[in-house]
N, C-alpha and C. Protein backbone atom coordinates (compact mmCIF):
# COMPACT_ATOMS: atom_id res chain seq x y z
N MET A 1 0.83 -1.20 0.00
CA MET A 1 0.00 0.00 0.00
C MET A 1 0.86 1.25 0.00
N ALA A 2 1.95 1.22 0.76
CA ALA A 2 2.83 2.38 0.83
C ALA A 2 3.47 2.66 -0.53
N GLN A 3 3.81 1.59 -1.27
CA GLN A 3 4.40 1.79 -2.59
C GLN A 3 3.39 2.40 -3.55
N LEU A 4 2.14 2.00 -3.44
CA LEU A 4 1.09 2.57 -4.29
C LEU A 4 0.94 4.06 -4.03
N ILE A 5 0.94 4.43 -2.76
CA ILE A 5 0.82 5.85 -2.41
C ILE A 5 2.02 6.62 -2.93
N GLN A 6 3.22 6.06 -2.79
CA GLN A 6 4.41 6.76 -3.26
C GLN A 6 4.43 6.86 -4.78
N ARG A 7 4.01 5.82 -5.47
CA ARG A 7 3.97 5.88 -6.95
C ARG A 7 2.95 6.90 -7.42
N THR A 8 1.81 6.95 -6.74
CA THR A 8 0.79 7.94 -7.08
C THR A 8 1.32 9.35 -6.84
N ALA A 9 1.97 9.55 -5.71
CA ALA A 9 2.54 10.86 -5.39
C ALA A 9 3.61 11.23 -6.41
N GLN A 10 4.43 10.27 -6.81
CA GLN A 10 5.47 10.54 -7.81
C GLN A 10 4.84 10.91 -9.15
N SER A 11 3.76 10.25 -9.51
CA SER A 11 3.06 10.57 -10.76
C SER A 11 2.49 11.98 -10.74
N ILE A 12 1.89 12.35 -9.61
CA ILE A 12 1.36 13.71 -9.48
C ILE A 12 2.49 14.72 -9.57
N ASP A 13 3.60 14.44 -8.90
CA ASP A 13 4.75 15.34 -8.94
C ASP A 13 5.30 15.46 -10.36
N ASP A 14 5.41 14.35 -11.08
CA ASP A 14 5.90 14.39 -12.46
C ASP A 14 4.96 15.18 -13.36
N MET A 15 3.65 14.97 -13.17
CA MET A 15 2.67 15.70 -13.96
C MET A 15 2.78 17.20 -13.69
N TRP A 16 2.92 17.55 -12.42
CA TRP A 16 3.04 18.96 -12.04
C TRP A 16 4.27 19.59 -12.69
N HIS A 17 5.40 18.86 -12.67
CA HIS A 17 6.62 19.37 -13.30
C HIS A 17 6.43 19.54 -14.80
N SER A 18 5.81 18.58 -15.45
CA SER A 18 5.63 18.67 -16.90
C SER A 18 4.70 19.82 -17.28
N ILE A 19 3.70 20.08 -16.45
CA ILE A 19 2.78 21.17 -16.76
C ILE A 19 3.37 22.51 -16.36
N TRP A 20 3.89 22.61 -15.15
CA TRP A 20 4.28 23.91 -14.61
C TRP A 20 5.67 24.35 -15.06
N HIS A 21 6.66 23.49 -15.00
CA HIS A 21 8.03 23.90 -15.27
C HIS A 21 8.34 24.01 -16.76
N ASP A 22 7.56 23.36 -17.61
CA ASP A 22 7.79 23.45 -19.04
C ASP A 22 6.91 24.50 -19.70
N SER A 23 6.23 25.30 -18.91
CA SER A 23 5.31 26.30 -19.43
C SER A 23 5.96 27.69 -19.44
N SER A 24 5.50 28.51 -20.37
CA SER A 24 5.97 29.89 -20.41
C SER A 24 5.27 30.68 -19.30
N ARG A 25 5.71 31.89 -19.10
CA ARG A 25 5.10 32.73 -18.05
C ARG A 25 3.62 32.97 -18.34
N ALA A 26 3.28 33.20 -19.60
CA ALA A 26 1.88 33.45 -19.97
C ALA A 26 1.02 32.21 -19.69
N GLU A 27 1.55 31.04 -20.00
CA GLU A 27 0.81 29.81 -19.73
C GLU A 27 0.63 29.60 -18.24
N LYS A 28 1.64 29.92 -17.43
CA LYS A 28 1.52 29.79 -15.98
C LYS A 28 0.45 30.72 -15.43
N VAL A 29 0.41 31.94 -15.94
CA VAL A 29 -0.61 32.90 -15.50
C VAL A 29 -1.99 32.40 -15.89
N LEU A 30 -2.12 31.88 -17.10
CA LEU A 30 -3.41 31.35 -17.55
C LEU A 30 -3.85 30.17 -16.69
N ILE A 31 -2.94 29.26 -16.39
CA ILE A 31 -3.26 28.11 -15.54
C ILE A 31 -3.70 28.58 -14.15
N ALA A 32 -2.96 29.54 -13.59
CA ALA A 32 -3.30 30.05 -12.26
C ALA A 32 -4.67 30.72 -12.26
N ILE A 33 -4.97 31.49 -13.30
CA ILE A 33 -6.27 32.17 -13.38
C ILE A 33 -7.40 31.15 -13.50
N VAL A 34 -7.21 30.13 -14.34
CA VAL A 34 -8.24 29.10 -14.50
C VAL A 34 -8.48 28.37 -13.18
N LEU A 35 -7.40 28.03 -12.47
CA LEU A 35 -7.56 27.35 -11.19
C LEU A 35 -8.30 28.23 -10.18
N LEU A 36 -7.95 29.50 -10.14
CA LEU A 36 -8.60 30.41 -9.19
C LEU A 36 -10.07 30.65 -9.54
N VAL A 37 -10.35 30.85 -10.84
CA VAL A 37 -11.73 31.13 -11.25
C VAL A 37 -12.63 29.92 -11.01
N THR A 38 -12.13 28.75 -11.29
CA THR A 38 -12.95 27.55 -11.12
C THR A 38 -12.99 27.08 -9.67
N GLY A 39 -12.14 27.64 -8.83
CA GLY A 39 -12.11 27.24 -7.43
C GLY A 39 -11.30 25.98 -7.20
N LEU A 40 -10.60 25.53 -8.21
CA LEU A 40 -9.82 24.30 -8.08
C LEU A 40 -8.49 24.52 -7.36
N ALA A 41 -8.08 25.76 -7.21
CA ALA A 41 -6.81 26.03 -6.54
C ALA A 41 -6.86 25.58 -5.08
N ILE A 42 -8.02 25.66 -4.49
CA ILE A 42 -8.15 25.29 -3.08
C ILE A 42 -7.82 23.81 -2.87
N PRO A 43 -8.41 22.87 -3.64
CA PRO A 43 -8.04 21.47 -3.41
C PRO A 43 -6.79 21.02 -4.15
N VAL A 44 -6.45 21.62 -5.28
CA VAL A 44 -5.35 21.13 -6.11
C VAL A 44 -3.99 21.47 -5.51
N VAL A 45 -3.79 22.69 -5.08
CA VAL A 45 -2.47 23.11 -4.59
C VAL A 45 -2.02 22.30 -3.37
N PRO A 46 -2.85 22.11 -2.34
CA PRO A 46 -2.40 21.28 -1.21
C PRO A 46 -2.12 19.83 -1.61
N ILE A 47 -2.91 19.29 -2.53
CA ILE A 47 -2.68 17.92 -2.99
C ILE A 47 -1.33 17.81 -3.66
N VAL A 48 -0.97 18.79 -4.48
CA VAL A 48 0.32 18.77 -5.16
C VAL A 48 1.45 18.91 -4.14
N TRP A 49 1.29 19.80 -3.16
CA TRP A 49 2.34 19.96 -2.14
C TRP A 49 2.54 18.68 -1.35
N ILE A 50 1.46 18.04 -0.95
CA ILE A 50 1.55 16.79 -0.19
C ILE A 50 2.18 15.70 -1.06
N ALA A 51 1.79 15.64 -2.32
CA ALA A 51 2.37 14.63 -3.22
C ALA A 51 3.86 14.85 -3.41
N ARG A 52 4.29 16.09 -3.50
CA ARG A 52 5.73 16.37 -3.64
C ARG A 52 6.49 15.95 -2.40
N ILE A 53 5.91 16.16 -1.23
CA ILE A 53 6.56 15.74 0.01
C ILE A 53 6.68 14.23 0.07
N ILE A 54 5.59 13.53 -0.28
CA ILE A 54 5.62 12.07 -0.25
C ILE A 54 6.57 11.52 -1.31
N ALA A 55 6.59 12.12 -2.49
CA ALA A 55 7.43 11.64 -3.58
C ALA A 55 8.90 11.79 -3.26
N ASN A 56 9.24 12.82 -2.51
CA ASN A 56 10.64 13.05 -2.18
C ASN A 56 10.96 12.37 -0.88
């Protein structure tokens, strides 16, 4: 079970890196605005932070 959680966290971390770190500044602003407008920033950001902690 612990390996499943770590693999899932690693996948979330990899996805976050591919979306966020490979994006231009304009794309980052657009992503942030969409998350804030839709209200997804509230659940998404903590999930990504927790996944990064578990993955590392």
